[in-house]
Amino acid sequence: MAHRRGNPNWGRPILPIPAIATEFETIVQRLRLKPEMYTSSHELQKWCERNRNRCYIPEWLLKEWGIIVEAHYAFDAA
């Protein structure tokens, strides 16, 4: 029997990649917080301050707490 050549999945639709939770969403789930409880959580605020330059944190929450993300972590355009 001859070896079949080519991609056996040719013409089949690509399966969607499942979305995974961000670290922010994971910590919110662990703390059992609802969106209206975010601003009153001291544990979440401490976590956001420690991880502001490393993880996604909603902009509205950063503004609410006055947390500034450092610009030097962005990519240089040079």
Protein backbone atom coordinates (compact mmCIF):
# COMPACT_ATOMS: atom_id res chain seq x y z
CA MET A 1 0.00 0.00 0.00
CA ALA A 2 1.39 3.38 -0.98
CA HIS A 3 1.91 6.16 1.55
CA ARG A 4 -0.68 8.91 1.13
CA ARG A 5 0.82 12.33 0.71
CA GLY A 6 -0.50 15.72 1.79
CA ASN A 7 -2.43 17.10 4.71
CA PRO A 8 -5.24 14.73 5.78
CA ASN A 9 -7.10 17.70 7.33
CA TRP A 10 -7.18 19.70 4.09
CA GLY A 11 -10.55 21.37 3.63
CA ARG A 12 -11.77 20.71 7.16
CA PRO A 13 -12.60 23.70 9.37
CA ILE A 14 -10.06 24.71 12.00
CA LEU A 15 -11.33 24.03 15.50
CA PRO A 16 -11.54 27.10 17.76
CA ILE A 17 -8.93 27.43 20.48
CA PRO A 18 -10.56 27.52 23.92
CA ALA A 19 -10.12 30.80 25.79
CA ILE A 20 -8.18 30.63 29.04
CA ALA A 21 -8.61 32.94 32.00
CA THR A 22 -6.12 35.74 32.59
CA GLU A 23 -4.23 35.87 35.89
CA PHE A 24 -6.49 38.74 36.96
CA GLU A 25 -9.59 36.62 36.31
CA THR A 26 -8.00 33.71 38.18
CA ILE A 27 -7.25 35.81 41.27
CA VAL A 28 -10.76 37.30 41.20
CA GLN A 29 -12.24 33.78 41.10
CA ARG A 30 -9.97 32.65 43.94
CA LEU A 31 -11.05 35.63 46.07
CA ARG A 32 -14.70 35.00 45.07
CA LEU A 33 -15.26 38.60 44.03
CA LYS A 34 -17.98 40.08 41.84
CA PRO A 35 -17.16 43.15 39.68
CA GLU A 36 -18.94 45.48 42.10
CA MET A 37 -16.70 44.18 44.91
CA TYR A 38 -13.35 44.76 43.14
CA THR A 39 -12.70 48.28 44.43
CA SER A 40 -13.37 47.38 48.07
CA SER A 41 -11.02 44.36 48.12
CA HIS A 42 -7.69 45.14 49.80
CA GLU A 43 -6.20 41.79 48.74
CA LEU A 44 -7.02 42.46 45.09
CA GLN A 45 -5.57 45.98 45.35
CA LYS A 46 -2.30 44.64 46.78
CA TRP A 47 -2.11 42.00 44.03
CA CYS A 48 -2.76 44.66 41.36
CA GLU A 49 -0.05 46.93 42.77
CA ARG A 50 2.49 44.07 42.74
CA ASN A 51 1.56 42.88 39.23
CA ARG A 52 0.63 46.14 37.48
CA ASN A 53 3.47 45.87 34.97
CA ARG A 54 3.27 42.11 34.47
CA CYS A 55 -0.41 41.13 34.20
CA TYR A 56 -3.58 42.43 32.61
CA ILE A 57 -5.62 44.61 34.97
CA PRO A 58 -8.71 46.50 33.74
CA GLU A 59 -7.90 50.16 33.09
CA TRP A 60 -10.92 51.41 35.02
CA LEU A 61 -9.66 49.61 38.12
CA LEU A 62 -6.16 51.06 37.76
CA LYS A 63 -7.68 54.56 37.49
CA GLU A 64 -9.95 53.95 40.49
CA TRP A 65 -6.99 53.07 42.71
CA GLY A 66 -4.57 55.56 41.13
CA ILE A 67 -2.14 52.81 40.10
CA ILE A 68 0.26 53.91 37.36
CA VAL A 69 1.75 51.38 34.95
CA GLU A 70 5.40 52.07 34.20
CA ALA A 71 5.97 52.98 30.55
CA HIS A 72 9.49 51.52 30.29
CA TYR A 73 7.97 48.03 30.20
CA ALA A 74 6.50 48.78 26.76
CA PHE A 75 8.32 47.88 23.54
CA ASP A 76 10.75 50.42 22.18
CA ALA A 77 10.11 51.70 18.66
CA ALA A 78 13.78 52.37 18.00
